[in-house]
Amino acid sequence: MLSFFSPASCAFILLALSRYVLSAPIASSGTGADTQNQTSPSPAFVIYTNKFVSSSVLPPVNELKGYNVVALSFLLLKGPFDQAAAWAALPDAQRAATKTEYANAGIRLIVSAFGDSEEPTTSKSDPLATANSMAQFVLSSGLDGIDVDYEDLDAMNKGDGVAEAWLVTFTQTLRQHLPKGQFILSHAPIAPWFSLNSVFLKSGAYRTVNKQVGHLIDWYNIQVMTEGANEYTDCTSIVSSSGTQFPQSSILELAAGGIPASKLVIGKFATVSNTTTGFMDPKTLGECVSSAEQQGWSAGIMAFEYPDADASWIAAARGSAFPIIS
C-alpha cells in the first residue's frame, strides 16, 4: 500500500525514533496484548491508518464501528513513520488508555511494516535483525501484533527464491517473539503473487511462503487493487475466476488450491485518488463479498485507508453478508 511521510508527522517521527532503539533487547512495556487470550479475529475487518488524524493519533472508536483491526502505518527499516511514529510518541499512559478504549470496543491495534516505499530484500536488509527490531517495536509500543506489507517487487519478480526465503525467515523470527494466539501476524501480499503466472511459478512467490510458514500467519490482507485496467475490477475476477493474466488468484480459486479460505481477506483502496486501476465503491464490493460468502468464504475485508474508509464505508462493504448490529 501507499505510504506518505507528511510534514504534520515529522515531530512524531523524531520523537518516536528517539524512543525506539533498533538494537534494543526483546522486552515488553507491560501495556501490550492480553497474552492470556489474544486470538485473531475471524472474520477480520481491517482498516489501515497512515494519514495524520489528530494529536490523539486515532479517532473516537465510534468512527471505526464495523472494524475489528486497525493497522498503524508504517514501520520501516529505519523505524516508525507517520501513524506508527505518532503512536510510539504518545505518553505511555495515553497509549494504554487508548488501547483499553479500543479493546473494549473489540478493536485490535497492530502496526504495518514496510509498504510500497521499501524493498527490504533488494536492499539486503537482514531478515533476522529486522524481525527482531520490529517485534521489539510491537512489544514496547503495547500493540496486538504486526502486519507484513511486503512489496519488494524487484526481488519477487526475479523468481530466484530469494524473496521467498527472506519472508520465511522474517516470519519465523517474528513468531518467535510474538507467539501465535497471543499476537496477530498478518501479511498483505498483492494478489498476483498467489497466481500461477509464469513469472511467479519459477519460485512460487506467496504460494511458497504459505507452504512454508502459512501456519504461522493468521490471515492474508490480499491486495486486489492496482494490477491492471482489467484485473480484479469486478466480482467475478475477485471471487471466482481471476482471468488469464494472473490465473488462479481469485479468492475461491486460491481456496480450491489449498490456501484456507478463512485466511483470504479481500483488500481494496477506499478512494479512487489512491489508485489508477482496480477501484471499487464499497456498495459494489459488498455485492462481491456477499457472493463469496454465499459460496463458503468468510475471511473478511481490508481497506486502505481511514478516514476515506470510515464506519459508513465498511458498513456498505460488509453489506448483507456481515451486517453490523446496532
Protein backbone atom coordinates (compact mmCIF):
# COMPACT_ATOMS: atom_id res chain seq x y z
CA MET A 1 0.00 0.00 0.00
CA LEU A 2 0.96 3.62 -0.32
CA SER A 3 2.97 5.38 2.34
CA PHE A 4 3.10 9.09 2.95
CA PHE A 5 5.66 10.98 5.00
CA SER A 6 3.56 14.03 5.82
CA PRO A 7 5.02 17.24 7.31
CA ALA A 8 2.48 17.01 10.13
CA SER A 9 4.03 13.79 11.32
CA CYS A 10 7.67 14.89 11.33
CA ALA A 11 7.70 15.84 15.00
CA PHE A 12 6.14 12.50 15.92
CA ILE A 13 8.72 10.67 13.82
CA LEU A 14 11.65 12.38 15.54
CA LEU A 15 10.24 11.73 19.00
CA ALA A 16 9.40 8.13 18.19
CA LEU A 17 12.84 7.45 16.76
CA SER A 18 14.40 8.86 19.92
CA ARG A 19 12.40 6.35 21.98
CA TYR A 20 12.63 3.37 19.67
CA VAL A 21 16.03 1.68 19.61
CA LEU A 22 16.58 -0.84 16.81
CA SER A 23 19.10 -2.83 18.78
CA ALA A 24 17.07 -2.96 21.99
CA PRO A 25 16.59 -6.39 23.58
CA ILE A 26 13.19 -8.02 23.21
CA ALA A 27 11.11 -6.88 26.15
CA SER A 28 7.56 -5.78 26.82
CA SER A 29 6.45 -2.45 28.21
CA GLY A 30 3.62 -4.20 30.01
CA THR A 31 0.92 -2.31 28.10
CA GLY A 32 0.53 -4.65 25.15
CA ALA A 33 -1.69 -7.53 24.19
CA ASP A 34 -3.52 -9.67 26.71
CA THR A 35 -1.15 -12.60 26.43
CA GLN A 36 -3.68 -14.92 28.04
CA ASN A 37 -6.29 -14.63 25.28
CA GLN A 38 -5.22 -12.73 22.18
CA THR A 39 -6.72 -14.78 19.38
CA SER A 40 -7.01 -13.25 15.93
CA PRO A 41 -10.49 -12.08 14.90
CA SER A 42 -12.38 -14.01 12.26
CA PRO A 43 -13.74 -12.56 10.12
CA ALA A 44 -11.19 -9.74 10.13
CA PHE A 45 -12.30 -6.23 9.18
CA VAL A 46 -9.07 -4.30 8.80
CA ILE A 47 -8.52 -0.58 8.35
CA TYR A 48 -5.12 1.00 7.72
CA THR A 49 -4.35 4.47 9.07
CA ASN A 50 -1.40 6.30 7.56
CA LYS A 51 -2.58 9.91 7.24
CA PHE A 52 -2.38 12.27 10.20
CA VAL A 53 -5.66 12.20 12.17
CA SER A 54 -5.10 14.27 15.31
CA SER A 55 -2.78 14.68 18.27
CA SER A 56 -4.62 11.71 19.80
CA VAL A 57 -3.44 9.64 16.79
CA LEU A 58 -6.63 7.58 16.48
CA PRO A 59 -10.24 8.72 16.08
CA PRO A 60 -13.01 8.00 18.60
CA VAL A 61 -13.92 4.32 18.38
CA ASN A 62 -17.44 5.05 17.10
CA GLU A 63 -15.89 6.40 13.87
CA LEU A 64 -14.47 2.92 13.25
CA LYS A 65 -17.56 0.89 14.09
CA GLY A 66 -17.60 -2.21 11.92
CA TYR A 67 -13.84 -2.74 12.01
CA ASN A 68 -12.03 -5.02 14.45
CA VAL A 69 -8.39 -4.40 13.46
CA VAL A 70 -6.58 -1.08 12.98
CA ALA A 71 -3.16 -1.17 11.28
CA LEU A 72 -0.92 1.80 12.14
CA SER A 73 1.24 2.57 9.12
CA PHE A 74 4.14 2.26 8.60
CA LEU A 75 7.03 0.68 10.48
CA LEU A 76 10.05 1.00 8.19
CA LEU A 77 13.59 -0.31 8.31
CA LYS A 78 14.72 2.96 9.90
CA GLY A 79 11.93 2.91 12.44
CA PRO A 80 8.30 4.07 12.69
CA PHE A 81 6.86 6.77 10.42
CA ASP A 82 3.54 8.59 10.11
CA GLN A 83 0.81 6.98 12.25
CA ALA A 84 3.15 4.31 13.60
CA ALA A 85 5.51 7.06 14.76
CA ALA A 86 2.67 9.12 16.19
CA TRP A 87 1.53 6.12 18.25
CA ALA A 88 5.02 5.42 19.52
CA ALA A 89 5.46 9.08 20.53
CA LEU A 90 2.40 9.13 22.78
CA PRO A 91 3.00 9.09 26.54
CA ASP A 92 2.75 5.56 27.93
CA ALA A 93 -0.39 6.36 29.94
CA GLN A 94 -2.19 7.79 26.91
CA ARG A 95 -1.24 4.79 24.77
CA ALA A 96 -2.51 2.43 27.45
CA ALA A 97 -5.80 4.33 27.82
CA THR A 98 -6.39 4.36 24.06
CA LYS A 99 -5.51 0.70 23.83
CA THR A 100 -8.05 -0.12 26.54
CA GLU A 101 -10.74 2.00 24.88
CA TYR A 102 -10.25 0.20 21.57
CA ALA A 103 -10.02 -3.23 23.20
CA ASN A 104 -13.32 -2.61 25.00
CA ALA A 105 -14.84 -1.85 21.58
CA GLY A 106 -13.47 -5.12 20.19
CA ILE A 107 -10.76 -3.49 18.07
CA ARG A 108 -7.16 -4.74 17.99
CA LEU A 109 -4.30 -2.35 17.25
CA ILE A 110 -1.38 -3.55 15.15
CA VAL A 111 1.45 -1.95 13.18
CA SER A 112 2.00 -2.44 9.45
CA ALA A 113 5.56 -2.93 8.22
CA PHE A 114 7.23 -1.73 5.01
CA GLY A 115 4.60 -0.62 2.45
CA ASP A 116 5.39 0.24 -1.15
CA SER A 117 8.26 2.60 -0.32
CA GLU A 118 10.65 -0.12 0.88
CA GLU A 119 12.48 -3.04 -0.68
CA PRO A 120 13.92 -4.97 2.28
CA THR A 121 15.26 -7.89 0.25
CA THR A 122 16.71 -5.79 -2.57
CA SER A 123 18.37 -3.50 -0.02
CA LYS A 124 19.90 -6.62 1.59
CA SER A 125 18.37 -5.99 5.00
CA ASP A 126 18.93 -8.89 7.38
CA PRO A 127 15.56 -10.64 7.94
CA LEU A 128 16.60 -11.83 11.41
CA ALA A 129 17.69 -8.43 12.66
CA THR A 130 14.74 -6.70 11.00
CA ALA A 131 12.24 -9.11 12.58
CA ASN A 132 13.89 -8.76 15.99
CA SER A 133 13.70 -4.97 15.91
CA MET A 134 10.12 -4.91 14.61
CA ALA A 135 8.97 -7.41 17.22
CA GLN A 136 10.57 -5.16 19.83
CA PHE A 137 8.53 -2.24 18.49
CA VAL A 138 5.30 -4.22 18.87
CA LEU A 139 6.15 -5.16 22.44
CA SER A 140 7.46 -1.80 23.59
CA SER A 141 4.55 0.08 21.96
CA GLY A 142 1.84 -2.01 23.53
CA LEU A 143 0.38 -3.33 20.29
CA ASP A 144 -1.52 -6.52 19.46
CA GLY A 145 0.67 -7.59 16.56
CA ILE A 146 2.09 -6.76 13.15
CA ASP A 147 1.06 -6.80 9.50
CA VAL A 148 3.72 -7.54 6.87
CA ASP A 149 3.04 -5.33 3.85
CA TYR A 150 6.00 -6.60 1.84
CA GLU A 151 6.09 -5.03 -1.63
CA ASP A 152 9.62 -5.68 -2.87
CA LEU A 153 8.56 -6.17 -6.48
CA ASP A 154 12.10 -6.29 -7.86
CA ALA A 155 13.07 -9.15 -5.55
CA MET A 156 9.92 -11.20 -6.05
CA ASN A 157 9.84 -10.72 -9.82
CA LYS A 158 13.31 -12.26 -10.17
CA GLY A 159 11.83 -15.65 -9.39
CA ASP A 160 15.06 -16.89 -7.82
CA GLY A 161 13.59 -17.78 -4.43
CA VAL A 162 15.50 -15.11 -2.51
CA ALA A 163 12.41 -13.02 -1.72
CA GLU A 164 10.51 -16.07 -0.51
CA ALA A 165 13.41 -17.18 1.69
CA TRP A 166 13.65 -13.66 3.17
CA LEU A 167 9.95 -13.67 4.02
CA VAL A 168 10.09 -17.16 5.52
CA THR A 169 12.97 -16.27 7.85
CA PHE A 170 11.38 -12.92 8.72
CA THR A 171 8.04 -14.56 9.57
CA GLN A 172 9.59 -17.36 11.61
CA THR A 173 11.62 -14.86 13.64
CA LEU A 174 8.61 -12.61 14.28
CA ARG A 175 6.68 -15.59 15.61
CA GLN A 176 9.48 -16.49 18.00
CA HIS A 177 8.86 -13.19 19.78
CA LEU A 178 5.14 -12.77 19.04
CA PRO A 179 3.58 -16.17 19.76
CA LYS A 180 0.53 -17.32 17.84
CA GLY A 181 -2.61 -16.97 19.91
CA GLN A 182 -1.07 -14.07 21.80
CA PHE A 183 -0.20 -11.70 18.95
CA ILE A 184 -1.59 -11.12 15.47
CA LEU A 185 0.68 -11.73 12.49
CA SER A 186 -0.87 -10.98 9.10
CA HIS A 187 0.64 -10.48 5.65
CA ALA A 188 -0.61 -8.17 2.88
CA PRO A 189 0.57 -9.61 -0.45
CA ILE A 190 -0.59 -8.38 -3.83
CA ALA A 191 -2.98 -10.91 -5.38
CA PRO A 192 -0.77 -11.79 -8.40
CA TRP A 193 1.86 -13.25 -6.05
CA PHE A 194 -0.58 -16.08 -5.38
CA SER A 195 -1.27 -16.60 -9.09
CA LEU A 196 0.02 -19.23 -11.50
CA ASN A 197 1.50 -16.55 -13.73
CA SER A 198 4.72 -17.85 -15.35
CA VAL A 199 6.85 -15.18 -13.62
CA PHE A 200 5.76 -16.29 -10.16
CA LEU A 201 5.71 -20.01 -10.90
CA LYS A 202 9.51 -20.04 -11.03
CA SER A 203 9.92 -19.93 -7.26
CA GLY A 204 6.31 -19.93 -6.11
CA ALA A 205 6.05 -16.38 -4.70
CA TYR A 206 3.44 -16.33 -1.92
CA ARG A 207 2.36 -19.90 -2.59
CA THR A 208 5.83 -20.89 -1.41
CA VAL A 209 5.61 -18.56 1.58
CA ASN A 210 2.25 -20.04 2.51
CA LYS A 211 3.53 -23.59 2.13
CA GLN A 212 6.48 -22.97 4.44
CA VAL A 213 5.11 -20.57 7.07
CA GLY A 214 1.39 -20.25 6.37
CA HIS A 215 0.67 -21.98 9.67
CA LEU A 216 2.34 -19.04 11.43
CA ILE A 217 0.28 -16.39 9.61
CA ASP A 218 -3.20 -15.53 10.91
CA TRP A 219 -4.54 -14.19 7.62
CA TYR A 220 -3.62 -12.50 4.34
CA ASN A 221 -4.83 -8.97 3.54
CA ILE A 222 -4.85 -9.69 -0.17
CA GLN A 223 -4.43 -6.56 -2.27
CA VAL A 224 -6.82 -6.80 -5.22
CA MET A 225 -6.08 -3.22 -6.12
CA THR A 226 -3.73 -1.87 -8.79
CA GLU A 227 -2.85 -4.80 -11.01
CA GLY A 228 -4.04 -3.53 -14.40
CA ALA A 229 -7.03 -1.89 -16.04
CA ASN A 230 -9.00 -5.13 -16.26
CA GLU A 231 -7.70 -7.08 -13.27
CA TYR A 232 -9.76 -7.57 -10.09
CA THR A 233 -12.26 -4.93 -11.23
CA ASP A 234 -15.47 -6.98 -10.88
CA CYS A 235 -16.90 -9.65 -8.63
CA THR A 236 -16.01 -12.50 -10.96
CA SER A 237 -12.28 -11.69 -11.11
CA ILE A 238 -12.11 -11.11 -7.34
CA VAL A 239 -14.22 -14.02 -6.19
CA SER A 240 -14.28 -16.90 -8.66
CA SER A 241 -12.15 -16.51 -11.81
CA SER A 242 -9.20 -14.13 -11.97
CA GLY A 243 -8.59 -14.41 -15.69
CA THR A 244 -5.58 -15.26 -17.84
CA GLN A 245 -3.01 -12.65 -16.80
CA PHE A 246 -2.91 -13.77 -13.16
CA PRO A 247 -4.64 -17.16 -13.30
CA GLN A 248 -5.98 -18.99 -10.27
CA SER A 249 -5.68 -16.00 -7.92
CA SER A 250 -9.31 -15.22 -7.15
CA ILE A 251 -10.49 -15.97 -3.63
CA LEU A 252 -12.29 -19.22 -4.40
CA GLU A 253 -9.56 -20.43 -6.76
CA LEU A 254 -6.98 -19.92 -4.03
CA ALA A 255 -9.15 -21.79 -1.56
CA ALA A 256 -9.54 -24.64 -4.05
CA GLY A 257 -5.74 -24.64 -4.40
CA GLY A 258 -5.24 -25.37 -0.72
CA ILE A 259 -4.96 -21.94 0.90
CA PRO A 260 -7.51 -21.76 3.72
CA ALA A 261 -10.49 -19.60 2.70
CA SER A 262 -10.63 -18.35 6.30
CA LYS A 263 -7.31 -16.55 5.72
CA LEU A 264 -8.16 -14.80 2.44
CA VAL A 265 -9.22 -11.26 3.38
CA ILE A 266 -10.30 -9.10 0.42
CA GLY A 267 -8.42 -5.78 0.30
CA LYS A 268 -9.32 -2.61 -1.61
CA PHE A 269 -8.44 1.09 -1.72
CA ALA A 270 -11.18 3.26 -0.25
CA THR A 271 -10.94 6.05 -2.78
CA VAL A 272 -10.07 6.43 -6.44
CA SER A 273 -7.46 9.06 -5.53
CA ASN A 274 -5.23 6.29 -4.17
CA THR A 275 -5.19 4.22 -7.35
CA THR A 276 -5.36 4.43 -11.13
CA THR A 277 -6.92 0.99 -11.58
CA GLY A 278 -8.93 -1.50 -9.61
CA PHE A 279 -11.10 0.92 -7.66
CA MET A 280 -14.46 -0.37 -6.49
CA ASP A 281 -17.05 1.53 -4.49
CA PRO A 282 -18.00 -0.10 -1.17
CA LYS A 283 -21.55 -0.98 -2.20
CA THR A 284 -20.29 -2.90 -5.23
CA LEU A 285 -17.60 -4.52 -3.10
CA GLY A 286 -20.37 -5.56 -0.73
CA GLU A 287 -22.03 -7.42 -3.59
CA CYS A 288 -18.77 -9.30 -4.25
CA VAL A 289 -18.42 -10.06 -0.54
CA SER A 290 -21.98 -11.40 -0.46
CA SER A 291 -21.29 -13.60 -3.48
CA ALA A 292 -18.17 -15.04 -1.86
CA GLU A 293 -19.92 -15.57 1.47
CA GLN A 294 -22.72 -17.50 -0.22
CA GLN A 295 -20.05 -19.85 -1.61
CA GLY A 296 -18.47 -20.63 1.75
CA TRP A 297 -15.95 -17.80 2.23
CA SER A 298 -16.00 -15.64 5.38
CA ALA A 299 -12.48 -14.25 5.95
CA GLY A 300 -13.25 -10.51 5.98
CA ILE A 301 -12.43 -7.19 4.34
CA MET A 302 -9.42 -4.84 4.37
CA ALA A 303 -9.49 -1.16 3.42
CA PHE A 304 -6.76 1.40 2.80
CA GLU A 305 -7.29 3.84 4.45
CA TYR A 306 -9.00 5.91 7.16
CA PRO A 307 -10.63 8.48 7.01
CA ASP A 308 -11.74 7.65 3.44
CA ALA A 309 -12.86 4.23 4.65
CA ASP A 310 -14.87 5.12 7.74
CA ALA A 311 -17.76 3.40 9.53
CA SER A 312 -20.15 4.04 6.64
CA TRP A 313 -17.67 2.58 4.13
CA ILE A 314 -17.23 -0.70 6.00
CA ALA A 315 -20.97 -0.96 6.64
CA ALA A 316 -21.58 -0.80 2.88
CA ALA A 317 -18.74 -3.24 2.12
CA ARG A 318 -19.95 -5.75 4.73
CA GLY A 319 -23.44 -5.43 3.31
CA SER A 320 -25.85 -8.31 3.79
CA ALA A 321 -23.05 -10.84 4.30
CA PHE A 322 -21.78 -9.28 7.53
CA PRO A 323 -24.44 -6.82 8.72
CA ILE A 324 -23.45 -4.55 11.58
CA ILE A 325 -25.70 -4.96 14.58
CA SER A 326 -26.51 -1.65 16.24
